[in-house]
Structures are given as C-alpha cells and as structure tokens.
Amino acid sequence: MSLELTLESILDKYQITDLSKLPQNIVGPVLTKDEFSYGVVEAIARDNPNTFKGVIDRGSYIRVVGERELVLNKTTLEEVLGREVRFPGEVEVRMSAFAGKIIVRGDYLKWYLEL
C-alpha cells in the first residue's frame, strides 16, 4: 500500500475543527479507528469531492461528514487499500452508526437524505 493510512494522516488532511461550520444536512458513517476505516475515509473523499466535508475525531471513533449524499464505491476502496474488499460486509462491521439513510449494494454504499 503506497498511501499512508493512519489516524494522523487522515486528521491532517480532513479533520473538521470548527464545528459551527458543519452542514445542516449531515450524512455519513461513524467508523471505528483502524487502517481499513481510514481507507474508507480516503475513498469517500475521492468519490465525493463536492459533498465530503471532512471527519470529526470523537475519541474511540471518527464521524465522516458529508452534505446530503456520500457514495463509497467498492473499486475506489480497493484501489486505496490495495486489495480486494468484501462488499458488502467489511465496511458495515466497522460502522457503529450513520447519519441519514443508507443503501448497500454489491458495488457501492450510499448515505443520503431525501429532501
């Protein structure tokens, strides 16, 4: 894996520090802290350049923040991790909660709000 997937690297790139600027229509997963989850964050950031807003460090977990819709494509996650991913399956066991509604398919996950 050529990409450094650590908590520090993810927070350096994506941490939201001013919580007053969070979008009103938040969607996204709450993930345990491990290398796989950091790969999920990186893949979501790549797949959603307009709606991904960042992450909030909550101690034992990280909250991924998107506005109205976030998509996680299996192919992007596999590219980031450098290996095949069981999809669905491997993401959900690390996701303790999420904001919005969710669609789980064999090639993507989508968190969204119906407005």
Protein backbone atom coordinates (compact mmCIF):
# COMPACT_ATOMS: atom_id res chain seq x y z
CA MET A 1 0.00 0.00 0.00
CA SER A 2 1.65 3.24 -1.10
CA LEU A 3 -0.77 5.55 0.68
CA GLU A 4 -0.20 6.18 4.39
CA LEU A 5 -3.44 5.31 6.17
CA THR A 6 -3.03 6.39 9.77
CA LEU A 7 -5.25 8.38 12.08
CA GLU A 8 -2.73 11.22 11.99
CA SER A 9 -2.62 11.35 8.18
CA ILE A 10 -6.42 11.30 7.93
CA LEU A 11 -6.84 14.01 10.58
CA ASP A 12 -4.12 16.15 8.99
CA LYS A 13 -5.98 16.07 5.67
CA TYR A 14 -9.64 16.03 6.68
CA GLN A 15 -10.27 16.97 10.34
CA ILE A 16 -13.07 19.44 10.95
CA THR A 17 -12.07 21.69 13.83
CA ASP A 18 -14.75 24.38 13.66
CA LEU A 19 -17.96 22.50 14.48
CA SER A 20 -20.04 25.66 13.97
CA LYS A 21 -19.46 25.26 10.21
CA LEU A 22 -21.00 21.79 9.91
CA PRO A 23 -23.62 21.43 7.18
CA GLN A 24 -27.26 21.19 8.29
CA ASN A 25 -27.93 18.10 6.17
CA ILE A 26 -25.24 15.77 7.55
CA VAL A 27 -24.88 12.24 6.21
CA GLY A 28 -22.16 9.64 6.61
CA PRO A 29 -20.83 6.75 8.66
CA VAL A 30 -19.43 6.59 12.17
CA LEU A 31 -16.39 4.30 12.00
CA THR A 32 -14.09 2.54 14.41
CA LYS A 33 -10.47 3.64 14.24
CA ASP A 34 -8.37 1.25 12.17
CA GLU A 35 -6.45 1.25 8.91
CA PHE A 36 -9.42 -0.10 6.95
CA SER A 37 -11.65 2.72 8.21
CA TYR A 38 -9.03 5.30 7.27
CA GLY A 39 -9.12 3.78 3.79
CA VAL A 40 -12.90 4.23 3.79
CA VAL A 41 -12.43 7.92 4.62
CA GLU A 42 -9.89 8.37 1.82
CA ALA A 43 -12.12 6.57 -0.69
CA ILE A 44 -15.17 8.63 0.32
CA ALA A 45 -13.12 11.82 -0.08
CA ARG A 46 -12.10 10.77 -3.60
CA ASP A 47 -15.60 9.68 -4.62
CA ASN A 48 -17.34 12.82 -3.30
CA PRO A 49 -15.28 15.96 -4.00
CA ASN A 50 -18.32 18.24 -3.68
CA THR A 51 -20.20 16.72 -0.73
CA PHE A 52 -17.47 15.30 1.54
CA LYS A 53 -16.74 17.87 4.25
CA GLY A 54 -14.28 16.02 6.50
CA VAL A 55 -14.11 13.97 9.69
CA ILE A 56 -14.64 14.62 13.38
CA ASP A 57 -12.41 12.78 15.86
CA ARG A 58 -14.60 11.54 18.71
CA GLY A 59 -12.04 9.60 20.72
CA SER A 60 -12.80 5.95 20.07
CA TYR A 61 -14.39 6.58 16.66
CA ILE A 62 -14.46 9.01 13.76
CA ARG A 63 -17.53 10.57 12.20
CA VAL A 64 -17.43 11.10 8.44
CA VAL A 65 -19.31 14.28 7.49
CA GLY A 66 -20.98 14.77 4.16
CA GLU A 67 -23.67 17.10 2.94
CA ARG A 68 -26.87 15.40 1.69
CA GLU A 69 -25.16 12.46 -0.06
CA LEU A 70 -21.99 10.37 0.15
CA VAL A 71 -21.11 7.37 -2.00
CA LEU A 72 -18.43 4.79 -1.32
CA ASN A 73 -17.53 2.82 -4.43
CA LYS A 74 -16.04 -0.64 -3.98
CA THR A 75 -13.49 -0.06 -6.75
CA THR A 76 -12.22 3.14 -5.10
CA LEU A 77 -11.88 1.47 -1.71
CA GLU A 78 -10.00 -1.45 -3.24
CA GLU A 79 -7.68 0.96 -5.02
CA VAL A 80 -6.98 2.85 -1.79
CA LEU A 81 -6.42 -0.31 0.27
CA GLY A 82 -4.55 -2.16 -2.46
CA ARG A 83 -6.58 -5.32 -2.01
CA GLU A 84 -9.96 -6.89 -2.69
CA VAL A 85 -12.72 -5.93 -0.27
CA ARG A 86 -15.77 -7.99 0.71
CA PHE A 87 -18.60 -5.68 -0.22
CA PRO A 88 -21.00 -5.56 1.49
CA GLY A 89 -19.55 -6.80 4.74
CA GLU A 90 -16.21 -5.29 5.68
CA VAL A 91 -17.44 -1.69 5.92
CA GLU A 92 -20.56 -2.44 7.93
CA VAL A 93 -18.73 -4.26 10.74
CA ARG A 94 -16.71 -1.09 11.36
CA MET A 95 -19.73 1.23 11.13
CA SER A 96 -21.36 1.61 14.55
CA ALA A 97 -23.85 4.19 13.31
CA PHE A 98 -24.55 6.56 10.45
CA ALA A 99 -26.40 9.79 9.69
CA GLY A 100 -29.08 9.78 7.01
CA LYS A 101 -30.44 6.79 5.15
CA ILE A 102 -28.29 4.05 3.63
CA ILE A 103 -28.31 1.90 0.50
CA VAL A 104 -25.99 -1.12 0.45
CA ARG A 105 -25.21 -2.77 -2.89
CA GLY A 106 -22.54 -5.12 -4.18
CA ASP A 107 -20.54 -2.31 -5.74
CA TYR A 108 -21.30 0.74 -3.55
CA LEU A 109 -22.71 2.12 -0.30
CA LYS A 110 -24.63 5.36 -0.28
CA TRP A 111 -25.64 7.57 2.64
CA TYR A 112 -28.25 10.17 1.73
CA LEU A 113 -31.12 12.38 2.79
CA GLU A 114 -34.39 12.79 0.97
CA LEU A 115 -35.18 16.48 0.94
